[in-house]
Amino acid sequence: MTDVRYPTSPTEMARLAPEELRERFLVTDLFVAGEVRFTLSLHDRLLIGGAMPGGGELILAPPAELRAENLCDRRELGIVCLEGAGSVTTDGQQHPVSAEDIVYVGQGAETVSVAGDAVFYIVSAPAHLAHPTTLIPRASAESVRIGDAHKASERTLRKYVHEDGVRSCELALGITTLEPGSVWNTMPCHTHDRRTEIYLYFGLDPAERVVHLCGEPTRTRSIIVADRQAVISPPWSVHTGAGTAPYRFVWSTAGENLAYNDMDLVATESLS
């Protein structure tokens, strides 16, 4: 059965006990050898998943909650190779992938599978138009250095699926890498009421953690996150964090628009 996360209001989040906060927003068990696992957030109906073929092949079948014959009947996918090497096959067309390559799968694809020794992260959003299935190698992603080393926030942002790159209906997807000496992943932070966002943290040593901040800017909460764990951020919530060691994260949004700069910046001094 798919793990389903229900919408939460700002007032409710502020009242949740720490264990309830983790149950609502932290996804801890996506990656299991030989399995495909899904979690469905009812904030903008973002679906995330993990697949570890272990040298074999795994079919990406739709969870029962979608009431669909095929996963992409009414959806689009982003399939991220987190590490290792493998392939993504859509309707008989094979796309070889290695670490930090992404395959965008358009609405209408009938069969999707993953294979090899890779670790795959899957992100899916509702779609109403069929855009072409496209392999996006890491080297081809739009890359920009952002942040400030003096504020421990310097990072390299790579955009893969976005309005000026590989097109989609409502899914935006990319990977951010913290530069040496930096710990903050999104600072100054922001909200965006028109899109839900999910961070999947990876590349973190098993003994290390990220302290992820969420909630309204003036009523922030914290969640301790380990490697290969994801945090769901409702549209009204900030989403930022600091790590105890180097890490990377996959960011994905879905909602009303694809505009990357459609965000409301939060002044750091106003956080509480």
C-alpha atoms as a PDB file:
ATOM      1  CA  MET A   1       0.000   0.000   0.000  1.00  0.00           C
ATOM      2  CA  THR A   2       1.275   3.473  -0.890  1.00  0.00           C
ATOM      3  CA  ASP A   3       2.288   5.842   1.888  1.00  0.00           C
ATOM      4  CA  VAL A   4      -0.156   8.786   1.646  1.00  0.00           C
ATOM      5  CA  ARG A   5       0.520  12.161   3.283  1.00  0.00           C
ATOM      6  CA  TYR A   6      -2.497  14.411   3.811  1.00  0.00           C
ATOM      7  CA  PRO A   7      -2.542  18.230   3.535  1.00  0.00           C
ATOM      8  CA  THR A   8      -1.676  20.181   6.663  1.00  0.00           C
ATOM      9  CA  SER A   9      -2.551  23.774   7.575  1.00  0.00           C
ATOM     10  CA  PRO A  10       0.016  26.199   9.034  1.00  0.00           C
ATOM     11  CA  THR A  11      -1.844  26.277  12.346  1.00  0.00           C
ATOM     12  CA  GLU A  12      -1.852  22.495  12.551  1.00  0.00           C
ATOM     13  CA  MET A  13       1.867  22.203  11.778  1.00  0.00           C
ATOM     14  CA  ALA A  14       2.712  24.611  14.589  1.00  0.00           C
ATOM     15  CA  ARG A  15       0.910  22.321  17.067  1.00  0.00           C
ATOM     16  CA  LEU A  16       2.340  18.968  15.979  1.00  0.00           C
ATOM     17  CA  ALA A  17       4.541  17.045  18.376  1.00  0.00           C
ATOM     18  CA  PRO A  18       8.020  16.218  16.969  1.00  0.00           C
ATOM     19  CA  GLU A  19       7.089  12.620  16.153  1.00  0.00           C
ATOM     20  CA  GLU A  20       3.867  13.794  14.442  1.00  0.00           C
ATOM     21  CA  LEU A  21       5.837  16.343  12.421  1.00  0.00           C
ATOM     22  CA  ARG A  22       8.114  13.585  11.139  1.00  0.00           C
ATOM     23  CA  GLU A  23       5.166  11.322  10.336  1.00  0.00           C
ATOM     24  CA  ARG A  24       3.526  14.056   8.239  1.00  0.00           C
ATOM     25  CA  PHE A  25       6.501  15.462   6.341  1.00  0.00           C
ATOM     26  CA  LEU A  26       9.565  13.180   6.500  1.00  0.00           C
ATOM     27  CA  VAL A  27       9.837  10.214   4.114  1.00  0.00           C
ATOM     28  CA  THR A  28      12.385   7.747   5.430  1.00  0.00           C
ATOM     29  CA  ASP A  29      12.052   4.415   3.625  1.00  0.00           C
ATOM     30  CA  LEU A  30      11.905   4.970  -0.131  1.00  0.00           C
ATOM     31  CA  PHE A  31      14.949   2.887  -1.045  1.00  0.00           C
ATOM     32  CA  VAL A  32      14.829  -0.883  -0.543  1.00  0.00           C
ATOM     33  CA  ALA A  33      16.804  -3.372  -2.627  1.00  0.00           C
ATOM     34  CA  GLY A  34      14.690  -5.081  -5.254  1.00  0.00           C
ATOM     35  CA  GLU A  35      11.632  -2.882  -4.682  1.00  0.00           C
ATOM     36  CA  VAL A  36       9.779   0.164  -5.971  1.00  0.00           C
ATOM     37  CA  ARG A  37       8.239   2.252  -3.185  1.00  0.00           C
ATOM     38  CA  PHE A  38       5.987   5.309  -3.452  1.00  0.00           C
ATOM     39  CA  THR A  39       4.780   8.121  -1.207  1.00  0.00           C
ATOM     40  CA  LEU A  40       1.904  10.326  -2.374  1.00  0.00           C
ATOM     41  CA  SER A  41       1.593  13.853  -1.018  1.00  0.00           C
ATOM     42  CA  LEU A  42      -1.885  15.317  -1.397  1.00  0.00           C
ATOM     43  CA  HIS A  43      -0.286  18.766  -1.485  1.00  0.00           C
ATOM     44  CA  ASP A  44      -0.456  19.256  -5.293  1.00  0.00           C
ATOM     45  CA  ARG A  45      -0.555  15.438  -5.627  1.00  0.00           C
ATOM     46  CA  LEU A  46       3.200  15.089  -5.897  1.00  0.00           C
ATOM     47  CA  LEU A  47       4.226  11.433  -6.018  1.00  0.00           C
ATOM     48  CA  ILE A  48       7.770  10.436  -5.061  1.00  0.00           C
ATOM     49  CA  GLY A  49       9.370   7.029  -5.155  1.00  0.00           C
ATOM     50  CA  GLY A  50      12.540   5.006  -4.905  1.00  0.00           C
ATOM     51  CA  ALA A  51      13.715   2.021  -6.933  1.00  0.00           C
ATOM     52  CA  MET A  52      16.768  -0.193  -6.488  1.00  0.00           C
ATOM     53  CA  PRO A  53      16.857  -2.857  -9.232  1.00  0.00           C
ATOM     54  CA  GLY A  54      20.032  -4.478  -7.826  1.00  0.00           C
ATOM     55  CA  GLY A  55      21.262  -5.455 -11.275  1.00  0.00           C
ATOM     56  CA  GLY A  56      17.849  -6.548 -12.499  1.00  0.00           C
ATOM     57  CA  GLU A  57      14.834  -4.674 -13.824  1.00  0.00           C
ATOM     58  CA  LEU A  58      11.865  -3.114 -12.026  1.00  0.00           C
ATOM     59  CA  ILE A  59       8.599  -2.022 -13.643  1.00  0.00           C
ATOM     60  CA  LEU A  60       7.190   1.329 -12.467  1.00  0.00           C
ATOM     61  CA  ALA A  61       3.541   0.394 -12.006  1.00  0.00           C
ATOM     62  CA  PRO A  62       0.968   2.931 -10.794  1.00  0.00           C
ATOM     63  CA  PRO A  63       0.007   2.772  -7.118  1.00  0.00           C
ATOM     64  CA  ALA A  64      -3.616   1.836  -6.499  1.00  0.00           C
ATOM     65  CA  GLU A  65      -4.381   5.353  -5.240  1.00  0.00           C
ATOM     66  CA  LEU A  66      -3.936   6.735  -8.789  1.00  0.00           C
ATOM     67  CA  ARG A  67      -6.689   4.528 -10.250  1.00  0.00           C
ATOM     68  CA  ALA A  68      -4.744   4.311 -13.509  1.00  0.00           C
ATOM     69  CA  GLU A  69      -3.736   1.507 -15.846  1.00  0.00           C
ATOM     70  CA  ASN A  70      -0.304   3.033 -16.465  1.00  0.00           C
ATOM     71  CA  LEU A  71       1.737   5.370 -14.298  1.00  0.00           C
ATOM     72  CA  CYS A  72       1.852   8.074 -16.977  1.00  0.00           C
ATOM     73  CA  ASP A  73      -1.771   7.916 -18.119  1.00  0.00           C
ATOM     74  CA  ARG A  74      -2.406  11.286 -16.440  1.00  0.00           C
ATOM     75  CA  ARG A  75       1.074  12.041 -15.125  1.00  0.00           C
ATOM     76  CA  GLU A  76       4.620  12.965 -16.044  1.00  0.00           C
ATOM     77  CA  LEU A  77       7.784  11.617 -14.386  1.00  0.00           C
ATOM     78  CA  GLY A  78      11.292  12.658 -13.520  1.00  0.00           C
ATOM     79  CA  ILE A  79      13.592   9.684 -12.888  1.00  0.00           C
ATOM     80  CA  VAL A  80      16.846  10.642 -11.172  1.00  0.00           C
ATOM     81  CA  CYS A  81      19.869   8.349 -11.089  1.00  0.00           C
ATOM     82  CA  LEU A  82      21.280   9.152  -7.651  1.00  0.00           C
ATOM     83  CA  GLU A  83      24.303   6.879  -7.961  1.00  0.00           C
ATOM     84  CA  GLY A  84      25.610   3.931  -9.932  1.00  0.00           C
ATOM     85  CA  ALA A  85      24.784   3.172 -13.551  1.00  0.00           C
ATOM     86  CA  GLY A  86      21.750   1.709 -15.232  1.00  0.00           C
ATOM     87  CA  SER A  87      18.988   2.481 -17.686  1.00  0.00           C
ATOM     88  CA  VAL A  88      15.459   3.814 -17.963  1.00  0.00           C
ATOM     89  CA  THR A  89      13.254   2.219 -20.630  1.00  0.00           C
ATOM     90  CA  THR A  90      10.047   3.877 -21.845  1.00  0.00           C
ATOM     91  CA  ASP A  91       7.843   2.140 -24.420  1.00  0.00           C
ATOM     92  CA  GLY A  92      10.796   0.075 -25.602  1.00  0.00           C
ATOM     93  CA  GLN A  93      13.297   2.947 -25.865  1.00  0.00           C
ATOM     94  CA  GLN A  94      16.278   2.557 -23.553  1.00  0.00           C
ATOM     95  CA  HIS A  95      18.090   5.526 -21.992  1.00  0.00           C
ATOM     96  CA  PRO A  96      21.459   4.712 -20.349  1.00  0.00           C
ATOM     97  CA  VAL A  97      22.074   6.765 -17.195  1.00  0.00           C
ATOM     98  CA  SER A  98      24.791   7.344 -14.622  1.00  0.00           C
ATOM     99  CA  ALA A  99      25.031   9.412 -11.435  1.00  0.00           C
ATOM    100  CA  GLU A 100      22.946  12.627 -11.517  1.00  0.00           C
ATOM    101  CA  ASP A 101      21.501  12.047 -14.978  1.00  0.00           C
ATOM    102  CA  ILE A 102      17.718  12.517 -15.183  1.00  0.00           C
ATOM    103  CA  VAL A 103      15.136  11.116 -17.585  1.00  0.00           C
ATOM    104  CA  TYR A 104      11.945  13.120 -18.056  1.00  0.00           C
ATOM    105  CA  VAL A 105       9.028  10.881 -19.081  1.00  0.00           C
ATOM    106  CA  GLY A 106       6.071  12.600 -20.691  1.00  0.00           C
ATOM    107  CA  GLN A 107       2.374  11.994 -20.115  1.00  0.00           C
ATOM    108  CA  GLY A 108       1.048   9.081 -22.143  1.00  0.00           C
ATOM    109  CA  ALA A 109       4.010   6.704 -21.872  1.00  0.00           C
ATOM    110  CA  GLU A 110       2.593   3.205 -21.456  1.00  0.00           C
ATOM    111  CA  THR A 111       5.527   1.288 -19.977  1.00  0.00           C
ATOM    112  CA  VAL A 112       8.373   2.560 -17.801  1.00  0.00           C
ATOM    113  CA  SER A 113      11.081   0.451 -16.188  1.00  0.00           C
ATOM    114  CA  VAL A 114      14.463   0.940 -14.535  1.00  0.00           C
ATOM    115  CA  ALA A 115      17.389  -1.459 -14.571  1.00  0.00           C
ATOM    116  CA  GLY A 116      20.999  -1.873 -13.500  1.00  0.00           C
ATOM    117  CA  ASP A 117      22.962  -1.280 -10.313  1.00  0.00           C
ATOM    118  CA  ALA A 118      21.772   2.314  -9.940  1.00  0.00           C
ATOM    119  CA  VAL A 119      19.703   3.919  -7.189  1.00  0.00           C
ATOM    120  CA  PHE A 120      16.717   5.694  -8.740  1.00  0.00           C
ATOM    121  CA  TYR A 121      14.610   8.499  -7.268  1.00  0.00           C
ATOM    122  CA  ILE A 122      11.235   9.102  -8.931  1.00  0.00           C
ATOM    123  CA  VAL A 123       9.134  12.280  -8.936  1.00  0.00           C
ATOM    124  CA  SER A 124       5.722  12.532 -10.595  1.00  0.00           C
ATOM    125  CA  ALA A 125       3.095  15.253 -11.019  1.00  0.00           C
ATOM    126  CA  PRO A 126      -0.293  15.384 -12.750  1.00  0.00           C
ATOM    127  CA  ALA A 127      -0.077  16.280 -16.448  1.00  0.00           C
ATOM    128  CA  HIS A 128      -2.540  17.269 -19.149  1.00  0.00           C
ATOM    129  CA  LEU A 129      -0.193  17.525 -22.163  1.00  0.00           C
ATOM    130  CA  ALA A 130       2.304  15.066 -23.631  1.00  0.00           C
ATOM    131  CA  HIS A 131       5.846  16.455 -23.716  1.00  0.00           C
ATOM    132  CA  PRO A 132       8.672  14.372 -25.246  1.00  0.00           C
ATOM    133  CA  THR A 133      10.495  11.862 -23.090  1.00  0.00           C
ATOM    134  CA  THR A 134      14.053  13.197 -22.794  1.00  0.00           C
ATOM    135  CA  LEU A 135      17.357  12.062 -21.292  1.00  0.00           C
ATOM    136  CA  ILE A 136      19.129  14.957 -19.562  1.00  0.00           C
ATOM    137  CA  PRO A 137      22.770  14.139 -18.742  1.00  0.00           C
ATOM    138  CA  ARG A 138      24.278  15.920 -15.750  1.00  0.00           C
ATOM    139  CA  ALA A 139      26.671  17.792 -18.045  1.00  0.00           C
ATOM    140  CA  SER A 140      23.761  19.176 -20.100  1.00  0.00           C
ATOM    141  CA  ALA A 141      21.795  20.641 -17.190  1.00  0.00           C
ATOM    142  CA  GLU A 142      21.723  24.413 -16.818  1.00  0.00           C
ATOM    143  CA  SER A 143      24.275  25.123 -14.085  1.00  0.00           C
ATOM    144  CA  VAL A 144      24.748  28.244 -11.972  1.00  0.00           C
ATOM    145  CA  ARG A 145      26.721  29.050  -8.832  1.00  0.00           C
ATOM    146  CA  ILE A 146      24.582  30.747  -6.198  1.00  0.00           C
ATOM    147  CA  GLY A 147      24.806  31.722  -2.546  1.00  0.00           C
ATOM    148  CA  ASP A 148      27.656  33.249  -0.569  1.00  0.00           C
ATOM    149  CA  ALA A 149      30.714  31.415   0.752  1.00  0.00           C
ATOM    150  CA  HIS A 150      31.064  33.984   3.540  1.00  0.00           C
ATOM    151  CA  LYS A 151      27.582  33.000   4.734  1.00  0.00           C
ATOM    152  CA  ALA A 152      28.242  29.249   4.361  1.00  0.00           C
ATOM    153  CA  SER A 153      25.628  29.008   1.573  1.00  0.00           C
ATOM    154  CA  GLU A 154      27.608  28.694  -1.677  1.00  0.00           C
ATOM    155  CA  ARG A 155      26.165  25.986  -3.900  1.00  0.00           C
ATOM    156  CA  THR A 156      25.869  24.837  -7.499  1.00  0.00           C
ATOM    157  CA  LEU A 157      22.310  24.679  -8.799  1.00  0.00           C
ATOM    158  CA  ARG A 158      21.539  22.430 -11.763  1.00  0.00           C
ATOM    159  CA  LYS A 159      18.163  22.793 -13.494  1.00  0.00           C
ATOM    160  CA  TYR A 160      17.034  19.799 -15.537  1.00  0.00           C
ATOM    161  CA  VAL A 161      13.265  20.079 -16.031  1.00  0.00           C
ATOM    162  CA  HIS A 162      12.160  23.734 -16.103  1.00  0.00           C
ATOM    163  CA  GLU A 163      10.449  26.331 -18.238  1.00  0.00           C
ATOM    164  CA  ASP A 164      13.637  27.308 -20.115  1.00  0.00           C
ATOM    165  CA  GLY A 165      14.966  23.763 -20.483  1.00  0.00           C
ATOM    166  CA  VAL A 166      13.271  20.400 -20.882  1.00  0.00           C
ATOM    167  CA  ARG A 167       9.591  21.297 -20.836  1.00  0.00           C
ATOM    168  CA  SER A 168       6.883  19.754 -18.691  1.00  0.00           C
ATOM    169  CA  CYS A 169       3.296  20.448 -17.671  1.00  0.00           C
ATOM    170  CA  GLU A 170       3.899  21.366 -14.021  1.00  0.00           C
ATOM    171  CA  LEU A 171       6.955  19.441 -12.815  1.00  0.00           C
ATOM    172  CA  ALA A 172      10.214  21.298 -12.170  1.00  0.00           C
ATOM    173  CA  LEU A 173      13.248  19.288 -11.135  1.00  0.00           C
ATOM    174  CA  GLY A 174      16.917  19.788 -10.383  1.00  0.00           C
ATOM    175  CA  ILE A 175      19.897  18.973  -8.170  1.00  0.00           C
ATOM    176  CA  THR A 176      21.842  21.291  -5.876  1.00  0.00           C
ATOM    177  CA  THR A 177      25.344  20.567  -4.569  1.00  0.00           C
ATOM    178  CA  LEU A 178      26.797  22.360  -1.557  1.00  0.00           C
ATOM    179  CA  GLU A 179      30.279  23.722  -2.209  1.00  0.00           C
ATOM    180  CA  PRO A 180      33.148  22.895   0.205  1.00  0.00           C
ATOM    181  CA  GLY A 181      32.819  24.824   3.468  1.00  0.00           C
ATOM    182  CA  SER A 182      29.124  25.648   2.972  1.00  0.00           C
ATOM    183  CA  VAL A 183      26.291  24.069   4.957  1.00  0.00           C
ATOM    184  CA  TRP A 184      23.087  26.061   4.197  1.00  0.00           C
ATOM    185  CA  ASN A 185      21.124  24.723   1.245  1.00  0.00           C
ATOM    186  CA  THR A 186      18.637  27.574   0.698  1.00  0.00           C
ATOM    187  CA  MET A 187      19.460  30.802   2.466  1.00  0.00           C
ATOM    188  CA  PRO A 188      17.956  33.350   2.383  1.00  0.00           C
ATOM    189  CA  CYS A 189      14.915  31.103   2.315  1.00  0.00           C
ATOM    190  CA  HIS A 190      11.543  31.599   0.657  1.00  0.00           C
ATOM    191  CA  THR A 191       8.018  30.326   0.228  1.00  0.00           C
ATOM    192  CA  HIS A 192       5.946  29.876  -2.949  1.00  0.00           C
ATOM    193  CA  ASP A 193       2.208  29.606  -2.414  1.00  0.00           C
ATOM    194  CA  ARG A 194       1.589  28.274  -5.908  1.00  0.00           C
ATOM    195  CA  ARG A 195       3.839  25.184  -5.694  1.00  0.00           C
ATOM    196  CA  THR A 196       4.595  22.334  -3.334  1.00  0.00           C
ATOM    197  CA  GLU A 197       8.279  21.381  -3.080  1.00  0.00           C
ATOM    198  CA  ILE A 198      10.060  18.238  -1.974  1.00  0.00           C
ATOM    199  CA  TYR A 199      13.741  17.939  -1.047  1.00  0.00           C
ATOM    200  CA  LEU A 200      15.446  14.544  -1.277  1.00  0.00           C
ATOM    201  CA  TYR A 201      18.756  14.700   0.576  1.00  0.00           C
ATOM    202  CA  PHE A 202      21.549  12.411  -0.635  1.00  0.00           C
ATOM    203  CA  GLY A 203      25.327  12.105  -0.719  1.00  0.00           C
ATOM    204  CA  LEU A 204      25.390  12.517   3.057  1.00  0.00           C
ATOM    205  CA  ASP A 205      27.624  10.288   5.175  1.00  0.00           C
ATOM    206  CA  PRO A 206      25.454   7.830   7.168  1.00  0.00           C
ATOM    207  CA  ALA A 207      26.725   9.266  10.455  1.00  0.00           C
ATOM    208  CA  GLU A 208      25.826  12.862   9.520  1.00  0.00           C
ATOM    209  CA  ARG A 209      22.533  14.784   9.423  1.00  0.00           C
ATOM    210  CA  VAL A 210      20.793  17.846   7.964  1.00  0.00           C
ATOM    211  CA  VAL A 211      18.713  20.093  10.218  1.00  0.00           C
ATOM    212  CA  HIS A 212      15.787  21.026   7.950  1.00  0.00           C
ATOM    213  CA  LEU A 213      13.645  24.044   8.853  1.00  0.00           C
ATOM    214  CA  CYS A 214       9.987  24.164   7.836  1.00  0.00           C
ATOM    215  CA  GLY A 215       6.739  25.922   8.725  1.00  0.00           C
ATOM    216  CA  GLU A 216       5.689  29.549   8.549  1.00  0.00           C
ATOM    217  CA  PRO A 217       8.619  31.995   8.690  1.00  0.00           C
ATOM    218  CA  THR A 218       7.610  33.260  12.130  1.00  0.00           C
ATOM    219  CA  ARG A 219       6.781  29.782  13.493  1.00  0.00           C
ATOM    220  CA  THR A 220       9.549  27.544  12.178  1.00  0.00           C
ATOM    221  CA  ARG A 221       9.927  23.890  13.088  1.00  0.00           C
ATOM    222  CA  SER A 222      12.915  21.593  12.601  1.00  0.00           C
ATOM    223  CA  ILE A 223      13.255  18.039  11.274  1.00  0.00           C
ATOM    224  CA  ILE A 224      16.470  16.024  11.488  1.00  0.00           C
ATOM    225  CA  VAL A 225      17.105  14.341   8.125  1.00  0.00           C
ATOM    226  CA  ALA A 226      19.464  11.516   7.178  1.00  0.00           C
ATOM    227  CA  ASP A 227      20.857  10.373   3.821  1.00  0.00           C
ATOM    228  CA  ARG A 228      18.247   9.435   1.171  1.00  0.00           C
ATOM    229  CA  GLN A 229      15.374  10.896   3.146  1.00  0.00           C
ATOM    230  CA  ALA A 230      12.876  13.387   1.743  1.00  0.00           C
ATOM    231  CA  VAL A 231      10.978  16.311   3.266  1.00  0.00           C
ATOM    232  CA  ILE A 232       7.615  17.496   1.905  1.00  0.00           C
ATOM    233  CA  SER A 233       7.191  21.287   1.971  1.00  0.00           C
ATOM    234  CA  PRO A 234       3.644  22.679   1.651  1.00  0.00           C
ATOM    235  CA  PRO A 235       3.387  25.843  -0.476  1.00  0.00           C
ATOM    236  CA  TRP A 236       3.189  28.132   2.578  1.00  0.00           C
ATOM    237  CA  SER A 237       6.227  26.591   4.302  1.00  0.00           C
ATOM    238  CA  VAL A 238       9.855  27.651   4.234  1.00  0.00           C
ATOM    239  CA  HIS A 239      12.281  24.904   3.231  1.00  0.00           C
ATOM    240  CA  THR A 240      15.901  25.318   4.164  1.00  0.00           C
ATOM    241  CA  GLY A 241      18.501  23.452   6.149  1.00  0.00           C
ATOM    242  CA  ALA A 242      22.073  23.147   7.335  1.00  0.00           C
ATOM    243  CA  GLY A 243      24.147  19.984   7.320  1.00  0.00           C
ATOM    244  CA  THR A 244      26.848  18.616   9.565  1.00  0.00           C
ATOM    245  CA  ALA A 245      28.819  17.422   6.514  1.00  0.00           C
ATOM    246  CA  PRO A 246      28.762  17.821   2.692  1.00  0.00           C
ATOM    247  CA  TYR A 247      25.569  16.753   0.918  1.00  0.00           C
ATOM    248  CA  ARG A 248      23.409  17.236  -2.157  1.00  0.00           C
ATOM    249  CA  PHE A 249      19.668  17.362  -2.668  1.00  0.00           C
ATOM    250  CA  VAL A 250      17.127  16.826  -5.426  1.00  0.00           C
ATOM    251  CA  TRP A 251      14.497  19.577  -5.469  1.00  0.00           C
ATOM    252  CA  SER A 252      11.176  19.153  -7.198  1.00  0.00           C
ATOM    253  CA  THR A 253       8.086  21.321  -7.402  1.00  0.00           C
ATOM    254  CA  ALA A 254       4.593  20.968  -8.816  1.00  0.00           C
ATOM    255  CA  GLY A 255       1.629  23.293  -8.791  1.00  0.00           C
ATOM    256  CA  GLU A 256       0.168  26.253 -10.586  1.00  0.00           C
ATOM    257  CA  ASN A 257       3.172  27.345 -12.640  1.00  0.00           C
ATOM    258  CA  LEU A 258       6.753  26.549 -13.676  1.00  0.00           C
ATOM    259  CA  ALA A 259       8.334  29.949 -13.004  1.00  0.00           C
ATOM    260  CA  TYR A 260      11.484  29.264 -10.996  1.00  0.00           C
ATOM    261  CA  ASN A 261      11.578  32.832  -9.646  1.00  0.00           C
ATOM    262  CA  ASP A 262       7.929  32.774  -8.511  1.00  0.00           C
ATOM    263  CA  MET A 263       8.817  32.890  -4.835  1.00  0.00           C
ATOM    264  CA  ASP A 264       8.397  35.135  -1.825  1.00  0.00           C
ATOM    265  CA  LEU A 265      11.762  35.802  -0.220  1.00  0.00           C
ATOM    266  CA  VAL A 266      11.993  35.704   3.566  1.00  0.00           C
ATOM    267  CA  ALA A 267      14.444  38.048   5.263  1.00  0.00           C
ATOM    268  CA  THR A 268      16.744  36.034   7.502  1.00  0.00           C
ATOM    269  CA  GLU A 269      16.306  38.440  10.399  1.00  0.00           C
ATOM    270  CA  SER A 270      12.538  37.860  10.325  1.00  0.00           C
ATOM    271  CA  LEU A 271      12.786  34.116  10.966  1.00  0.00           C
ATOM    272  CA  SER A 272      11.705  32.900  14.367  1.00  0.00           C
END
